[in-house]
Amino acid sequence: MEYFIYFIVTILMLLSFIGCVLPAIPGPPLAFIGYLLLLLTPAGTGLSTGAIILFGVLTLLTIVVDFVIPALGVKFFGGTKWGKWGCFIGSIAGLLFMPWGLIIGPFLGAFIGELLGNNTTNAALMSGIGSLLGFLFVTVFKIGVTVALIYSSFAAIFSCLNPFQ
């Protein structure tokens, strides 16, 4: 049974890494679920409570920052509340046009929001660039958390299966 769980964990880890760049798949949450599944196996004895809590918090943080950071990027690049709301609405609308919608949606939302708020085209463009850079930052963060979960999971599996110990 434990080998079946290891197989499921491996599938979840592969999907989670793909999910970091393909927005339709929730990358870090899948990796964390795989990590938690290891608790049902002998490999789970090597997982510390502190690591489980840390990875849980980081996974929740990836979900939150996925929506918050692009809007903060808008603000950092001089955008107004129009741009922040446009970025948020564009992020939601982008879900309908995956995978490119999640990249272009916040950018266009911030851009259009700033234009609706009577800003110049240049200011609107800067706001859109801020949302795009925020999205890129979030993607790098999600990849980092997912890689850490994958590494920790496979280290636990292989340390348990190591016949030379």
N, C-alpha and C. Protein backbone atom coordinates (compact mmCIF):
# COMPACT_ATOMS: atom_id res chain seq x y z
N MET A 1 0.82 -1.20 0.00
CA MET A 1 0.00 0.00 0.00
C MET A 1 0.86 1.26 0.00
N GLU A 2 1.99 1.19 0.73
CA GLU A 2 2.84 2.38 0.80
C GLU A 2 3.40 2.75 -0.57
N TYR A 3 3.67 1.76 -1.41
CA TYR A 3 4.20 2.06 -2.75
C TYR A 3 3.16 2.74 -3.62
N PHE A 4 1.90 2.38 -3.42
CA PHE A 4 0.82 3.05 -4.13
C PHE A 4 0.75 4.53 -3.71
N ILE A 5 0.90 4.78 -2.41
CA ILE A 5 0.90 6.16 -1.92
C ILE A 5 2.09 6.92 -2.49
N TYR A 6 3.26 6.26 -2.55
CA TYR A 6 4.44 6.91 -3.14
C TYR A 6 4.18 7.26 -4.60
N PHE A 7 3.48 6.38 -5.30
CA PHE A 7 3.14 6.64 -6.70
C PHE A 7 2.20 7.85 -6.80
N ILE A 8 1.20 7.91 -5.95
CA ILE A 8 0.26 9.04 -5.94
C ILE A 8 1.00 10.33 -5.60
N VAL A 9 1.89 10.27 -4.63
CA VAL A 9 2.68 11.45 -4.25
C VAL A 9 3.51 11.92 -5.44
N THR A 10 4.12 10.98 -6.15
CA THR A 10 4.92 11.34 -7.33
C THR A 10 4.07 12.02 -8.39
N ILE A 11 2.89 11.50 -8.65
CA ILE A 11 1.98 12.11 -9.63
C ILE A 11 1.59 13.52 -9.17
N LEU A 12 1.25 13.67 -7.89
CA LEU A 12 0.88 14.99 -7.37
C LEU A 12 2.03 15.97 -7.49
N MET A 13 3.24 15.52 -7.23
CA MET A 13 4.41 16.40 -7.32
C MET A 13 4.65 16.85 -8.77
N LEU A 14 4.50 15.93 -9.71
CA LEU A 14 4.65 16.31 -11.12
C LEU A 14 3.59 17.32 -11.53
N LEU A 15 2.35 17.05 -11.15
CA LEU A 15 1.26 17.98 -11.47
C LEU A 15 1.47 19.33 -10.79
N SER A 16 2.00 19.31 -9.57
CA SER A 16 2.19 20.57 -8.85
C SER A 16 3.24 21.44 -9.53
N PHE A 17 4.28 20.82 -10.04
CA PHE A 17 5.30 21.61 -10.73
C PHE A 17 4.74 22.20 -12.02
N ILE A 18 3.95 21.41 -12.73
CA ILE A 18 3.29 21.92 -13.94
C ILE A 18 2.34 23.05 -13.57
N GLY A 19 1.67 22.90 -12.41
CA GLY A 19 0.71 23.90 -11.96
C GLY A 19 1.31 25.25 -11.61
N CYS A 20 2.62 25.29 -11.42
CA CYS A 20 3.26 26.58 -11.13
C CYS A 20 3.25 27.49 -12.35
N VAL A 21 3.26 26.91 -13.53
CA VAL A 21 3.25 27.71 -14.75
C VAL A 21 1.95 27.59 -15.52
N LEU A 22 1.17 26.55 -15.26
CA LEU A 22 -0.14 26.40 -15.89
C LEU A 22 -1.20 26.69 -14.83
N PRO A 23 -1.80 27.87 -14.89
CA PRO A 23 -2.66 28.33 -13.79
C PRO A 23 -3.89 27.47 -13.50
N ALA A 24 -4.28 26.59 -14.42
CA ALA A 24 -5.48 25.79 -14.17
C ALA A 24 -5.24 24.74 -13.09
N ILE A 25 -3.98 24.46 -12.79
CA ILE A 25 -3.63 23.45 -11.79
C ILE A 25 -3.05 24.15 -10.57
N PRO A 26 -3.62 23.93 -9.39
CA PRO A 26 -3.10 24.60 -8.18
C PRO A 26 -1.81 23.94 -7.70
N GLY A 27 -0.67 24.43 -8.15
CA GLY A 27 0.62 23.81 -7.90
C GLY A 27 0.97 23.55 -6.44
N PRO A 28 1.24 24.59 -5.65
CA PRO A 28 1.65 24.35 -4.26
C PRO A 28 0.63 23.57 -3.42
N PRO A 29 -0.68 23.81 -3.56
CA PRO A 29 -1.61 22.99 -2.77
C PRO A 29 -1.52 21.49 -3.10
N LEU A 30 -1.33 21.16 -4.38
CA LEU A 30 -1.18 19.75 -4.73
C LEU A 30 0.08 19.16 -4.13
N ALA A 31 1.17 19.93 -4.17
CA ALA A 31 2.42 19.45 -3.58
C ALA A 31 2.26 19.24 -2.07
N PHE A 32 1.54 20.15 -1.42
CA PHE A 32 1.34 20.02 0.02
C PHE A 32 0.47 18.81 0.35
N ILE A 33 -0.54 18.55 -0.46
CA ILE A 33 -1.37 17.36 -0.26
C ILE A 33 -0.51 16.10 -0.39
N GLY A 34 0.36 16.08 -1.40
CA GLY A 34 1.28 14.94 -1.55
C GLY A 34 2.18 14.80 -0.35
N TYR A 35 2.67 15.92 0.15
CA TYR A 35 3.54 15.92 1.33
C TYR A 35 2.79 15.33 2.53
N LEU A 36 1.53 15.73 2.70
CA LEU A 36 0.74 15.21 3.81
C LEU A 36 0.43 13.72 3.65
N LEU A 37 0.28 13.26 2.41
CA LEU A 37 0.02 11.84 2.18
C LEU A 37 1.18 10.97 2.68
N LEU A 38 2.37 11.54 2.69
CA LEU A 38 3.52 10.78 3.17
C LEU A 38 3.37 10.40 4.64
N LEU A 39 2.54 11.12 5.37
CA LEU A 39 2.31 10.79 6.78
C LEU A 39 1.66 9.42 6.95
N LEU A 40 1.07 8.90 5.89
CA LEU A 40 0.43 7.58 5.94
C LEU A 40 1.40 6.45 5.63
N THR A 41 2.67 6.79 5.43
CA THR A 41 3.68 5.81 5.04
C THR A 41 4.84 5.84 6.04
N PRO A 42 5.73 4.87 5.95
CA PRO A 42 6.93 4.92 6.80
C PRO A 42 7.79 6.16 6.54
N ALA A 43 7.73 6.73 5.34
CA ALA A 43 8.50 7.94 5.04
C ALA A 43 8.00 9.12 5.87
N GLY A 44 6.77 9.06 6.34
CA GLY A 44 6.20 10.13 7.13
C GLY A 44 6.83 10.29 8.49
N THR A 45 7.53 9.28 8.96
CA THR A 45 8.18 9.40 10.27
C THR A 45 9.32 10.41 10.23
N GLY A 46 9.84 10.69 9.04
CA GLY A 46 10.93 11.65 8.91
C GLY A 46 10.46 13.09 8.77
N LEU A 47 9.15 13.30 8.71
CA LEU A 47 8.63 14.65 8.54
C LEU A 47 8.40 15.29 9.91
N SER A 48 8.97 16.44 10.12
CA SER A 48 8.80 17.10 11.42
C SER A 48 7.52 17.94 11.43
N THR A 49 7.00 18.13 12.61
CA THR A 49 5.80 18.95 12.77
C THR A 49 6.07 20.38 12.33
N GLY A 50 7.26 20.88 12.65
CA GLY A 50 7.62 22.23 12.24
C GLY A 50 7.64 22.39 10.73
N ALA A 51 8.16 21.39 10.03
CA ALA A 51 8.21 21.45 8.57
C ALA A 51 6.80 21.41 7.99
N ILE A 52 5.95 20.58 8.57
CA ILE A 52 4.56 20.48 8.09
C ILE A 52 3.86 21.82 8.26
N ILE A 53 4.02 22.44 9.41
CA ILE A 53 3.39 23.74 9.66
C ILE A 53 3.97 24.80 8.72
N LEU A 54 5.29 24.81 8.57
CA LEU A 54 5.94 25.79 7.69
C LEU A 54 5.44 25.64 6.26
N PHE A 55 5.42 24.42 5.75
CA PHE A 55 4.95 24.21 4.39
C PHE A 55 3.46 24.53 4.25
N GLY A 56 2.68 24.28 5.29
CA GLY A 56 1.26 24.64 5.26
C GLY A 56 1.07 26.14 5.16
N VAL A 57 1.83 26.88 5.96
CA VAL A 57 1.75 28.34 5.94
C VAL A 57 2.21 28.88 4.59
N LEU A 58 3.33 28.35 4.08
CA LEU A 58 3.82 28.80 2.77
C LEU A 58 2.83 28.49 1.65
N THR A 59 2.17 27.35 1.74
CA THR A 59 1.17 26.99 0.72
C THR A 59 -0.01 27.96 0.77
N LEU A 60 -0.49 28.26 1.98
CA LEU A 60 -1.57 29.25 2.10
C LEU A 60 -1.13 30.61 1.60
N LEU A 61 0.11 30.96 1.88
CA LEU A 61 0.64 32.24 1.43
C LEU A 61 0.67 32.33 -0.10
N THR A 62 1.00 31.22 -0.77
CA THR A 62 1.00 31.24 -2.24
C THR A 62 -0.39 31.51 -2.80
N ILE A 63 -1.40 30.99 -2.12
CA ILE A 63 -2.78 31.21 -2.57
C ILE A 63 -3.16 32.68 -2.41
N VAL A 64 -2.79 33.26 -1.27
CA VAL A 64 -3.14 34.66 -1.00
C VAL A 64 -2.38 35.60 -1.94
N VAL A 65 -1.06 35.41 -2.04
CA VAL A 65 -0.26 36.35 -2.84
C VAL A 65 -0.58 36.24 -4.33
N ASP A 66 -1.18 35.13 -4.74
CA ASP A 66 -1.55 34.98 -6.15
C ASP A 66 -2.49 36.10 -6.59
N PHE A 67 -3.31 36.60 -5.68
CA PHE A 67 -4.24 37.68 -6.03
C PHE A 67 -3.78 39.04 -5.53
N VAL A 68 -3.01 39.07 -4.45
CA VAL A 68 -2.65 40.34 -3.82
C VAL A 68 -1.44 41.01 -4.48
N ILE A 69 -0.40 40.24 -4.78
CA ILE A 69 0.85 40.82 -5.27
C ILE A 69 0.70 41.57 -6.60
N PRO A 70 -0.04 41.03 -7.58
CA PRO A 70 -0.19 41.84 -8.80
C PRO A 70 -0.80 43.22 -8.54
N ALA A 71 -1.76 43.30 -7.62
CA ALA A 71 -2.35 44.60 -7.28
C ALA A 71 -1.34 45.50 -6.58
N LEU A 72 -0.48 44.91 -5.76
CA LEU A 72 0.57 45.70 -5.12
C LEU A 72 1.59 46.19 -6.15
N GLY A 73 1.82 45.37 -7.18
CA GLY A 73 2.70 45.80 -8.27
C GLY A 73 2.13 47.02 -8.98
N VAL A 74 0.81 47.04 -9.13
CA VAL A 74 0.14 48.20 -9.73
C VAL A 74 0.40 49.44 -8.88
N LYS A 75 0.22 49.29 -7.57
CA LYS A 75 0.41 50.43 -6.67
C LYS A 75 1.87 50.89 -6.69
N PHE A 76 2.81 49.95 -6.68
CA PHE A 76 4.23 50.29 -6.66
C PHE A 76 4.64 51.08 -7.90
N PHE A 77 4.00 50.78 -9.03
CA PHE A 77 4.32 51.48 -10.27
C PHE A 77 3.45 52.71 -10.50
N GLY A 78 2.86 53.21 -9.42
CA GLY A 78 2.14 54.47 -9.50
C GLY A 78 0.67 54.36 -9.86
N GLY A 79 0.13 53.17 -9.84
CA GLY A 79 -1.27 53.01 -10.17
C GLY A 79 -2.18 53.50 -9.06
N THR A 80 -3.42 53.74 -9.41
CA THR A 80 -4.42 54.22 -8.46
C THR A 80 -5.34 53.07 -8.07
N LYS A 81 -6.36 53.38 -7.29
CA LYS A 81 -7.32 52.34 -6.92
C LYS A 81 -8.03 51.79 -8.16
N TRP A 82 -8.15 52.62 -9.19
CA TRP A 82 -8.76 52.16 -10.44
C TRP A 82 -7.91 51.03 -11.04
N GLY A 83 -6.62 51.21 -11.02
CA GLY A 83 -5.72 50.18 -11.55
C GLY A 83 -5.71 48.92 -10.71
N LYS A 84 -5.77 49.08 -9.37
CA LYS A 84 -5.78 47.91 -8.48
C LYS A 84 -7.06 47.10 -8.68
N TRP A 85 -8.19 47.81 -8.75
CA TRP A 85 -9.45 47.10 -8.98
C TRP A 85 -9.48 46.47 -10.37
N GLY A 86 -8.96 47.20 -11.34
CA GLY A 86 -8.89 46.64 -12.69
C GLY A 86 -8.02 45.39 -12.74
N CYS A 87 -6.91 45.43 -12.02
CA CYS A 87 -6.02 44.27 -11.95
C CYS A 87 -6.74 43.09 -11.32
N PHE A 88 -7.46 43.33 -10.24
CA PHE A 88 -8.18 42.25 -9.56
C PHE A 88 -9.26 41.68 -10.47
N ILE A 89 -10.04 42.55 -11.10
CA ILE A 89 -11.11 42.09 -12.00
C ILE A 89 -10.50 41.37 -13.21
N GLY A 90 -9.39 41.90 -13.72
CA GLY A 90 -8.70 41.25 -14.84
C GLY A 90 -8.17 39.88 -14.46
N SER A 91 -7.73 39.71 -13.21
CA SER A 91 -7.26 38.40 -12.75
C SER A 91 -8.39 37.39 -12.75
N ILE A 92 -9.55 37.83 -12.29
CA ILE A 92 -10.72 36.93 -12.26
C ILE A 92 -11.18 36.63 -13.69
N ALA A 93 -11.27 37.66 -14.53
CA ALA A 93 -11.69 37.46 -15.92
C ALA A 93 -10.68 36.60 -16.68
N GLY A 94 -9.41 36.72 -16.33
CA GLY A 94 -8.38 35.93 -17.00
C GLY A 94 -8.55 34.44 -16.79
N LEU A 95 -9.25 34.05 -15.72
CA LEU A 95 -9.50 32.62 -15.49
C LEU A 95 -10.31 32.00 -16.62
N LEU A 96 -11.07 32.81 -17.33
CA LEU A 96 -11.89 32.31 -18.43
C LEU A 96 -11.08 32.06 -19.71
N PHE A 97 -9.89 32.59 -19.77
CA PHE A 97 -9.07 32.51 -20.98
C PHE A 97 -7.70 31.91 -20.67
N MET A 98 -7.69 30.79 -20.01
CA MET A 98 -6.44 30.16 -19.60
C MET A 98 -5.67 29.64 -20.79
N PRO A 99 -4.38 29.51 -20.74
CA PRO A 99 -3.50 29.95 -19.67
C PRO A 99 -3.08 31.41 -19.82
N TRP A 100 -3.20 31.95 -21.03
CA TRP A 100 -2.71 33.31 -21.28
C TRP A 100 -3.53 34.37 -20.57
N GLY A 101 -4.76 34.07 -20.25
CA GLY A 101 -5.62 35.03 -19.58
C GLY A 101 -5.11 35.43 -18.21
N LEU A 102 -4.42 34.52 -17.54
CA LEU A 102 -3.91 34.86 -16.22
C LEU A 102 -2.68 35.74 -16.29
N ILE A 103 -2.05 35.81 -17.44
CA ILE A 103 -0.92 36.72 -17.62
C ILE A 103 -1.42 38.06 -18.15
N ILE A 104 -2.25 37.98 -19.16
CA ILE A 104 -2.73 39.19 -19.84
C ILE A 104 -3.87 39.86 -19.07
N GLY A 105 -4.70 39.07 -18.37
CA GLY A 105 -5.86 39.61 -17.66
C GLY A 105 -5.53 40.70 -16.67
N PRO A 106 -4.60 40.45 -15.72
CA PRO A 106 -4.25 41.51 -14.76
C PRO A 106 -3.63 42.73 -15.44
N PHE A 107 -2.82 42.50 -16.46
CA PHE A 107 -2.21 43.61 -17.19
C PHE A 107 -3.27 44.48 -17.85
N LEU A 108 -4.16 43.83 -18.62
CA LEU A 108 -5.22 44.59 -19.30
C LEU A 108 -6.19 45.22 -18.30
N GLY A 109 -6.48 44.49 -17.21
CA GLY A 109 -7.39 45.03 -16.20
C GLY A 109 -6.83 46.30 -15.58
N ALA A 110 -5.54 46.28 -15.23
CA ALA A 110 -4.92 47.46 -14.64
C ALA A 110 -4.86 48.60 -15.66
N PHE A 111 -4.51 48.26 -16.88
CA PHE A 111 -4.41 49.26 -17.95
C PHE A 111 -5.77 49.92 -18.19
N ILE A 112 -6.80 49.11 -18.38
CA ILE A 112 -8.14 49.64 -18.65
C ILE A 112 -8.68 50.38 -17.42
N GLY A 113 -8.42 49.85 -16.22
CA GLY A 113 -8.86 50.51 -15.00
C GLY A 113 -8.28 51.90 -14.88
N GLU A 114 -6.99 52.04 -15.19
CA GLU A 114 -6.36 53.37 -15.12
C GLU A 114 -6.94 54.30 -16.18
N LEU A 115 -7.22 53.79 -17.36
CA LEU A 115 -7.83 54.63 -18.40
C LEU A 115 -9.23 55.08 -17.98
N LEU A 116 -9.98 54.18 -17.35
CA LEU A 116 -11.31 54.55 -16.87
C LEU A 116 -11.23 55.58 -15.74
N GLY A 117 -10.12 55.57 -15.01
CA GLY A 117 -9.91 56.54 -13.94
C GLY A 117 -9.31 57.85 -14.44
N ASN A 118 -9.37 58.05 -15.76
CA ASN A 118 -8.90 59.28 -16.42
C ASN A 118 -7.40 59.51 -16.28
N ASN A 119 -6.62 58.43 -16.28
CA ASN A 119 -5.16 58.55 -16.28
C ASN A 119 -4.65 58.56 -17.71
N THR A 120 -3.41 58.98 -17.88
CA THR A 120 -2.80 59.00 -19.21
C THR A 120 -2.49 57.57 -19.63
N THR A 121 -2.30 57.40 -20.92
CA THR A 121 -1.95 56.09 -21.46
C THR A 121 -0.63 55.61 -20.87
N ASN A 122 0.33 56.50 -20.69
CA ASN A 122 1.62 56.14 -20.14
C ASN A 122 1.48 55.65 -18.69
N ALA A 123 0.69 56.34 -17.89
CA ALA A 123 0.45 55.93 -16.50
C ALA A 123 -0.28 54.59 -16.46
N ALA A 124 -1.23 54.41 -17.37
CA ALA A 124 -1.96 53.15 -17.43
C ALA A 124 -1.03 52.01 -17.83
N LEU A 125 -0.14 52.27 -18.75
CA LEU A 125 0.83 51.26 -19.19
C LEU A 125 1.75 50.87 -18.03
N MET A 126 2.22 51.85 -17.28
CA MET A 126 3.08 51.55 -16.13
C MET A 126 2.34 50.71 -15.09
N SER A 127 1.08 51.01 -14.89
CA SER A 127 0.27 50.24 -13.96
C SER A 127 0.15 48.79 -14.44
N GLY A 128 -0.07 48.62 -15.73
CA GLY A 128 -0.15 47.27 -16.31
C GLY A 128 1.16 46.52 -16.17
N ILE A 129 2.27 47.20 -16.37
CA ILE A 129 3.58 46.57 -16.20
C ILE A 129 3.79 46.15 -14.75
N GLY A 130 3.33 46.97 -13.82
CA GLY A 130 3.42 46.61 -12.40
C GLY A 130 2.66 45.33 -12.09
N SER A 131 1.48 45.18 -12.68
CA SER A 131 0.70 43.96 -12.45
C SER A 131 1.40 42.75 -13.07
N LEU A 132 2.00 42.93 -14.23
CA LEU A 132 2.72 41.84 -14.89
C LEU A 132 3.94 41.42 -14.07
N LEU A 133 4.70 42.38 -13.55
CA LEU A 133 5.85 42.05 -12.71
C LEU A 133 5.41 41.38 -11.42
N GLY A 134 4.29 41.80 -10.88
CA GLY A 134 3.74 41.14 -9.69
C GLY A 134 3.40 39.69 -9.97
N PHE A 135 2.81 39.45 -11.14
CA PHE A 135 2.48 38.08 -11.54
C PHE A 135 3.74 37.23 -11.66
N LEU A 136 4.77 37.79 -12.26
CA LEU A 136 6.03 37.05 -12.41
C LEU A 136 6.65 36.73 -11.05
N PHE A 137 6.60 37.69 -10.12
CA PHE A 137 7.11 37.46 -8.77
C PHE A 137 6.36 36.31 -8.10
N VAL A 138 5.04 36.32 -8.23
CA VAL A 138 4.22 35.26 -7.62
C VAL A 138 4.59 33.90 -8.22
N THR A 139 4.78 33.86 -9.53
CA THR A 139 5.13 32.60 -10.18
C THR A 139 6.46 32.06 -9.65
N VAL A 140 7.45 32.92 -9.50
CA VAL A 140 8.74 32.50 -8.96
C VAL A 140 8.57 32.00 -7.52
N PHE A 141 7.76 32.69 -6.73
CA PHE A 141 7.51 32.27 -5.35
C PHE A 141 6.84 30.90 -5.31
N LYS A 142 5.84 30.69 -6.16
CA LYS A 142 5.15 29.40 -6.20
C LYS A 142 6.11 28.28 -6.61
N ILE A 143 6.98 28.55 -7.57
CA ILE A 143 7.96 27.54 -7.98
C ILE A 143 8.89 27.21 -6.82
N GLY A 144 9.33 28.23 -6.09
CA GLY A 144 10.22 28.00 -4.95
C GLY A 144 9.58 27.12 -3.89
N VAL A 145 8.34 27.43 -3.52
CA VAL A 145 7.64 26.64 -2.50
C VAL A 145 7.42 25.22 -3.00
N THR A 146 7.03 25.07 -4.26
CA THR A 146 6.77 23.75 -4.81
C THR A 146 8.04 22.92 -4.89
N VAL A 147 9.13 23.52 -5.32
CA VAL A 147 10.40 22.78 -5.40
C VAL A 147 10.84 22.34 -3.99
N ALA A 148 10.66 23.19 -3.00
CA ALA A 148 11.00 22.81 -1.62
C ALA A 148 10.15 21.63 -1.14
N LEU A 149 8.86 21.65 -1.47
CA LEU A 149 7.99 20.53 -1.10
C LEU A 149 8.37 19.25 -1.84
N ILE A 150 8.68 19.37 -3.12
CA ILE A 150 9.07 18.20 -3.91
C ILE A 150 10.37 17.61 -3.34
N TYR A 151 11.34 18.47 -3.10
CA TYR A 151 12.63 18.00 -2.57
C TYR A 151 12.44 17.31 -1.22
N SER A 152 11.69 17.94 -0.33
CA SER A 152 11.48 17.38 1.00
C SER A 152 10.73 16.05 0.92
N SER A 153 9.76 15.97 0.03
CA SER A 153 8.98 14.73 -0.11
C SER A 153 9.84 13.59 -0.63
N PHE A 154 10.58 13.85 -1.69
CA PHE A 154 11.40 12.78 -2.26
C PHE A 154 12.57 12.42 -1.35
N ALA A 155 13.09 13.38 -0.61
CA ALA A 155 14.15 13.07 0.36
C ALA A 155 13.61 12.12 1.43
N ALA A 156 12.37 12.36 1.88
CA ALA A 156 11.77 11.47 2.88
C ALA A 156 11.52 10.09 2.31
N ILE A 157 11.05 10.03 1.06
CA ILE A 157 10.78 8.73 0.44
C ILE A 157 12.08 7.95 0.26
N PHE A 158 13.08 8.60 -0.31
CA PHE A 158 14.32 7.88 -0.60
C PHE A 158 15.10 7.52 0.66
N SER A 159 14.98 8.32 1.70
CA SER A 159 15.66 7.95 2.94
C SER A 159 15.00 6.73 3.57
N CYS A 160 13.72 6.60 3.35
CA CYS A 160 12.99 5.44 3.88
C CYS A 160 13.28 4.20 3.05
N LEU A 161 13.46 4.35 1.75
CA LEU A 161 13.68 3.21 0.85
C LEU A 161 15.13 2.84 0.69
N ASN A 162 16.04 3.60 1.27
CA ASN A 162 17.47 3.36 1.11
C ASN A 162 17.86 2.02 1.72
N PRO A 163 18.30 1.06 0.89
CA PRO A 163 18.64 -0.27 1.43
C PRO A 163 20.01 -0.29 2.12
N PHE A 164 20.79 0.77 2.01
CA PHE A 164 22.14 0.78 2.58
C PHE A 164 22.21 1.40 3.97
N GLN A 165 21.08 1.67 4.58
CA GLN A 165 21.10 2.28 5.92
C GLN A 165 21.20 1.22 6.98
